[in-house]
Amino acid sequence: MKLDEYLKSNNTTRYEVAKISGISESSFKNLLLQDVSNYAGRFYRAIGLVLGKTGGQVYDEITADGNTVFNFLGKYHVHDKKRVTKLLDYMLYFKKNDIDVTSVSFSIFENEIESGDISGDEDDVLKVIDNLIENFKTMKENVESGNLPTLEKID
């Protein structure tokens, strides 16, 4: 989600955030050139101050919009620090290597819940997370070894 869209959805503007938080207009212009997930923590805290939220809440809300992994973690209330940290570490690695993994599909899991094949309880959710971690691990190993898929390899 873009910064201005986020502020608008929270009934505020850059001007109001700048006025209350002390962020300069030039700093806001620089923010608009960056990906929202790369803002310094002070910007999330400043926006949170205006909105009555924590910087972490602002970060989660502003970055989760297009990130199916974050959406899944939030939807199923995954708070296992070790697993979430591993996922985030892999996601940061891929981001640094310009590989987008934010649109991973969880439709098979959702379909299995809908059909009654699984209950979707915490154990099922953690299995999905563990599988995703293993897939990310394999993907990272492939990137590091230069074994990337090409169009000819993908069927």
C-alpha atoms as a PDB file:
ATOM      1  CA  MET A   1       0.000   0.000   0.000  1.00  0.00           C
ATOM      2  CA  LYS A   2       1.270   3.473  -0.788  1.00  0.00           C
ATOM      3  CA  LEU A   3       1.854   5.901   2.055  1.00  0.00           C
ATOM      4  CA  ASP A   4      -0.780   8.405   0.910  1.00  0.00           C
ATOM      5  CA  GLU A   5      -3.370   5.618   0.509  1.00  0.00           C
ATOM      6  CA  TYR A   6      -2.606   4.387   4.012  1.00  0.00           C
ATOM      7  CA  LEU A   7      -2.900   7.858   5.509  1.00  0.00           C
ATOM      8  CA  LYS A   8      -6.139   8.503   3.622  1.00  0.00           C
ATOM      9  CA  SER A   9      -7.614   5.192   4.822  1.00  0.00           C
ATOM     10  CA  ASN A  10      -6.827   6.386   8.358  1.00  0.00           C
ATOM     11  CA  ASN A  11      -8.406   9.817   7.769  1.00  0.00           C
ATOM     12  CA  THR A  12      -5.182  11.804   7.949  1.00  0.00           C
ATOM     13  CA  THR A  13      -2.708  13.484   5.612  1.00  0.00           C
ATOM     14  CA  ARG A  14       1.045  13.901   5.258  1.00  0.00           C
ATOM     15  CA  TYR A  15       0.610  17.481   6.413  1.00  0.00           C
ATOM     16  CA  GLU A  16      -1.075  16.404   9.668  1.00  0.00           C
ATOM     17  CA  VAL A  17       1.586  13.779  10.347  1.00  0.00           C
ATOM     18  CA  ALA A  18       4.366  16.276   9.599  1.00  0.00           C
ATOM     19  CA  LYS A  19       2.814  18.938  11.814  1.00  0.00           C
ATOM     20  CA  ILE A  20       2.347  16.638  14.808  1.00  0.00           C
ATOM     21  CA  SER A  21       5.472  14.501  14.456  1.00  0.00           C
ATOM     22  CA  GLY A  22       7.930  17.091  13.223  1.00  0.00           C
ATOM     23  CA  ILE A  23       8.847  15.179  10.069  1.00  0.00           C
ATOM     24  CA  SER A  24       9.931  17.708   7.449  1.00  0.00           C
ATOM     25  CA  GLU A  25       8.239  18.051   4.076  1.00  0.00           C
ATOM     26  CA  SER A  26      11.458  17.032   2.325  1.00  0.00           C
ATOM     27  CA  SER A  27      11.616  13.851   4.405  1.00  0.00           C
ATOM     28  CA  PHE A  28       8.081  13.009   3.299  1.00  0.00           C
ATOM     29  CA  LYS A  29       9.012  13.596  -0.337  1.00  0.00           C
ATOM     30  CA  ASN A  30      11.913  11.160   0.093  1.00  0.00           C
ATOM     31  CA  LEU A  31       9.575   8.613   1.667  1.00  0.00           C
ATOM     32  CA  LEU A  32       7.342   8.686  -1.383  1.00  0.00           C
ATOM     33  CA  LEU A  33      10.295   7.517  -3.493  1.00  0.00           C
ATOM     34  CA  GLN A  34      10.926   4.482  -1.270  1.00  0.00           C
ATOM     35  CA  ASP A  35       9.140   1.186  -0.849  1.00  0.00           C
ATOM     36  CA  VAL A  36       7.000   1.443   2.308  1.00  0.00           C
ATOM     37  CA  SER A  37       8.691  -1.612   3.800  1.00  0.00           C
ATOM     38  CA  ASN A  38      12.037   0.215   3.752  1.00  0.00           C
ATOM     39  CA  TYR A  39      11.085   3.237   5.873  1.00  0.00           C
ATOM     40  CA  ALA A  40      13.131   3.912   8.981  1.00  0.00           C
ATOM     41  CA  GLY A  41      11.426   2.960  12.234  1.00  0.00           C
ATOM     42  CA  ARG A  42      11.102   6.603  13.260  1.00  0.00           C
ATOM     43  CA  PHE A  43       8.665   7.211  10.397  1.00  0.00           C
ATOM     44  CA  TYR A  44       6.423   4.325  11.468  1.00  0.00           C
ATOM     45  CA  ARG A  45       6.526   5.611  15.056  1.00  0.00           C
ATOM     46  CA  ALA A  46       5.701   9.157  13.924  1.00  0.00           C
ATOM     47  CA  ILE A  47       2.738   7.999  11.846  1.00  0.00           C
ATOM     48  CA  GLY A  48       1.636   5.792  14.744  1.00  0.00           C
ATOM     49  CA  LEU A  49       1.819   8.753  17.098  1.00  0.00           C
ATOM     50  CA  VAL A  50      -0.672  10.637  14.954  1.00  0.00           C
ATOM     51  CA  LEU A  51      -2.956   7.626  14.475  1.00  0.00           C
ATOM     52  CA  GLY A  52      -2.823   6.406  18.074  1.00  0.00           C
ATOM     53  CA  LYS A  53      -1.018   3.210  17.067  1.00  0.00           C
ATOM     54  CA  THR A  54       2.401   1.747  17.662  1.00  0.00           C
ATOM     55  CA  GLY A  55       5.066   1.960  14.984  1.00  0.00           C
ATOM     56  CA  GLY A  56       4.829  -1.827  14.683  1.00  0.00           C
ATOM     57  CA  GLN A  57       1.097  -1.697  14.041  1.00  0.00           C
ATOM     58  CA  VAL A  58       1.630   0.922  11.339  1.00  0.00           C
ATOM     59  CA  TYR A  59       4.372  -1.194   9.737  1.00  0.00           C
ATOM     60  CA  ASP A  60       2.199  -4.312   9.787  1.00  0.00           C
ATOM     61  CA  GLU A  61      -0.795  -2.512   8.320  1.00  0.00           C
ATOM     62  CA  ILE A  62       1.061  -0.605   5.632  1.00  0.00           C
ATOM     63  CA  THR A  63       3.124  -3.569   4.409  1.00  0.00           C
ATOM     64  CA  ALA A  64       0.648  -6.420   4.836  1.00  0.00           C
ATOM     65  CA  ASP A  65      -1.767  -5.254   2.150  1.00  0.00           C
ATOM     66  CA  GLY A  66      -0.041  -7.029  -0.733  1.00  0.00           C
ATOM     67  CA  ASN A  67       1.843  -9.614   1.269  1.00  0.00           C
ATOM     68  CA  THR A  68      -0.023 -12.913   1.446  1.00  0.00           C
ATOM     69  CA  VAL A  69       2.474 -14.336   3.942  1.00  0.00           C
ATOM     70  CA  PHE A  70       1.811 -11.501   6.417  1.00  0.00           C
ATOM     71  CA  ASN A  71      -1.908 -11.776   5.746  1.00  0.00           C
ATOM     72  CA  PHE A  72      -1.800 -15.524   6.502  1.00  0.00           C
ATOM     73  CA  LEU A  73       0.181 -15.008   9.702  1.00  0.00           C
ATOM     74  CA  GLY A  74      -2.304 -12.380  10.839  1.00  0.00           C
ATOM     75  CA  LYS A  75      -5.411 -14.295   9.824  1.00  0.00           C
ATOM     76  CA  TYR A  76      -4.380 -17.400  11.752  1.00  0.00           C
ATOM     77  CA  HIS A  77      -2.758 -15.493  14.641  1.00  0.00           C
ATOM     78  CA  VAL A  78       0.644 -17.114  14.230  1.00  0.00           C
ATOM     79  CA  HIS A  79       2.796 -15.887  17.108  1.00  0.00           C
ATOM     80  CA  ASP A  80       5.493 -18.561  17.104  1.00  0.00           C
ATOM     81  CA  LYS A  81       8.518 -16.245  17.289  1.00  0.00           C
ATOM     82  CA  LYS A  82      11.022 -18.797  15.999  1.00  0.00           C
ATOM     83  CA  ARG A  83       8.974 -19.660  12.904  1.00  0.00           C
ATOM     84  CA  VAL A  84       7.986 -16.073  12.138  1.00  0.00           C
ATOM     85  CA  THR A  85      11.605 -14.936  12.492  1.00  0.00           C
ATOM     86  CA  LYS A  86      12.757 -17.637  10.066  1.00  0.00           C
ATOM     87  CA  LEU A  87      10.093 -16.603   7.553  1.00  0.00           C
ATOM     88  CA  LEU A  88      11.014 -12.938   7.853  1.00  0.00           C
ATOM     89  CA  ASP A  89      14.722 -13.703   7.482  1.00  0.00           C
ATOM     90  CA  TYR A  90      14.051 -15.603   4.256  1.00  0.00           C
ATOM     91  CA  MET A  91      11.710 -12.907   2.968  1.00  0.00           C
ATOM     92  CA  LEU A  92      14.346 -10.233   3.613  1.00  0.00           C
ATOM     93  CA  TYR A  93      16.943 -12.349   1.828  1.00  0.00           C
ATOM     94  CA  PHE A  94      14.693 -12.689  -1.213  1.00  0.00           C
ATOM     95  CA  LYS A  95      13.826  -8.996  -1.190  1.00  0.00           C
ATOM     96  CA  LYS A  96      17.543  -8.122  -1.223  1.00  0.00           C
ATOM     97  CA  ASN A  97      17.926 -10.406  -4.235  1.00  0.00           C
ATOM     98  CA  ASP A  98      14.907  -8.894  -6.037  1.00  0.00           C
ATOM     99  CA  ILE A  99      12.828 -12.059  -5.726  1.00  0.00           C
ATOM    100  CA  ASP A 100       9.199 -11.437  -4.830  1.00  0.00           C
ATOM    101  CA  VAL A 101       7.807 -14.053  -2.455  1.00  0.00           C
ATOM    102  CA  THR A 102       5.057 -11.864  -1.022  1.00  0.00           C
ATOM    103  CA  SER A 103       2.303 -13.367  -3.155  1.00  0.00           C
ATOM    104  CA  VAL A 104       2.614 -16.996  -2.069  1.00  0.00           C
ATOM    105  CA  SER A 105      -0.729 -18.726  -2.444  1.00  0.00           C
ATOM    106  CA  PHE A 106      -2.410 -20.454   0.465  1.00  0.00           C
ATOM    107  CA  SER A 107      -5.429 -21.491  -1.601  1.00  0.00           C
ATOM    108  CA  ILE A 108      -4.840 -25.245  -1.240  1.00  0.00           C
ATOM    109  CA  PHE A 109      -4.867 -24.868   2.546  1.00  0.00           C
ATOM    110  CA  GLU A 110      -8.019 -22.723   2.400  1.00  0.00           C
ATOM    111  CA  ASN A 111      -9.696 -25.219   0.056  1.00  0.00           C
ATOM    112  CA  GLU A 112      -8.859 -28.128   2.366  1.00  0.00           C
ATOM    113  CA  ILE A 113     -10.477 -26.283   5.279  1.00  0.00           C
ATOM    114  CA  GLU A 114     -13.532 -25.459   3.178  1.00  0.00           C
ATOM    115  CA  SER A 115     -13.921 -29.065   2.006  1.00  0.00           C
ATOM    116  CA  GLY A 116     -13.513 -30.388   5.553  1.00  0.00           C
ATOM    117  CA  ASP A 117     -10.343 -32.338   4.772  1.00  0.00           C
ATOM    118  CA  ILE A 118      -8.575 -30.498   7.597  1.00  0.00           C
ATOM    119  CA  SER A 119      -9.817 -28.464  10.524  1.00  0.00           C
ATOM    120  CA  GLY A 120      -7.442 -25.512  10.092  1.00  0.00           C
ATOM    121  CA  ASP A 121      -6.407 -25.686  13.735  1.00  0.00           C
ATOM    122  CA  GLU A 122      -3.066 -24.473  15.056  1.00  0.00           C
ATOM    123  CA  ASP A 123      -1.275 -27.718  14.173  1.00  0.00           C
ATOM    124  CA  ASP A 124      -2.469 -27.458  10.548  1.00  0.00           C
ATOM    125  CA  VAL A 125      -1.398 -23.824  10.339  1.00  0.00           C
ATOM    126  CA  LEU A 126       2.044 -24.597  11.784  1.00  0.00           C
ATOM    127  CA  LYS A 127       2.488 -27.405   9.220  1.00  0.00           C
ATOM    128  CA  VAL A 128       1.826 -24.878   6.458  1.00  0.00           C
ATOM    129  CA  ILE A 129       4.365 -22.488   7.993  1.00  0.00           C
ATOM    130  CA  ASP A 130       6.953 -25.268   8.351  1.00  0.00           C
ATOM    131  CA  ASN A 131       6.423 -26.275   4.704  1.00  0.00           C
ATOM    132  CA  LEU A 132       6.831 -22.671   3.604  1.00  0.00           C
ATOM    133  CA  ILE A 133      10.054 -22.363   5.611  1.00  0.00           C
ATOM    134  CA  GLU A 134      11.399 -25.517   3.952  1.00  0.00           C
ATOM    135  CA  ASN A 135      10.433 -24.222   0.504  1.00  0.00           C
ATOM    136  CA  PHE A 136      12.109 -20.879   1.218  1.00  0.00           C
ATOM    137  CA  LYS A 137      15.207 -22.707   2.463  1.00  0.00           C
ATOM    138  CA  THR A 138      15.387 -24.692  -0.793  1.00  0.00           C
ATOM    139  CA  MET A 139      14.796 -21.562  -2.856  1.00  0.00           C
ATOM    140  CA  LYS A 140      17.601 -19.755  -1.025  1.00  0.00           C
ATOM    141  CA  GLU A 141      19.970 -22.665  -1.606  1.00  0.00           C
ATOM    142  CA  ASN A 142      19.082 -22.614  -5.301  1.00  0.00           C
ATOM    143  CA  VAL A 143      19.702 -18.869  -5.521  1.00  0.00           C
ATOM    144  CA  GLU A 144      23.058 -19.193  -3.764  1.00  0.00           C
ATOM    145  CA  SER A 145      24.147 -22.062  -6.007  1.00  0.00           C
ATOM    146  CA  GLY A 146      23.029 -20.234  -9.148  1.00  0.00           C
ATOM    147  CA  ASN A 147      20.492 -22.958  -9.875  1.00  0.00           C
ATOM    148  CA  LEU A 148      17.651 -20.653 -10.854  1.00  0.00           C
ATOM    149  CA  PRO A 149      14.698 -21.839 -12.922  1.00  0.00           C
ATOM    150  CA  THR A 150      14.589 -20.739 -16.535  1.00  0.00           C
ATOM    151  CA  LEU A 151      11.595 -20.619 -18.816  1.00  0.00           C
ATOM    152  CA  GLU A 152      12.696 -23.890 -20.396  1.00  0.00           C
ATOM    153  CA  LYS A 153      12.705 -25.615 -16.991  1.00  0.00           C
ATOM    154  CA  ILE A 154       9.266 -24.391 -15.963  1.00  0.00           C
ATOM    155  CA  ASP A 155       6.379 -26.521 -17.241  1.00  0.00           C
END
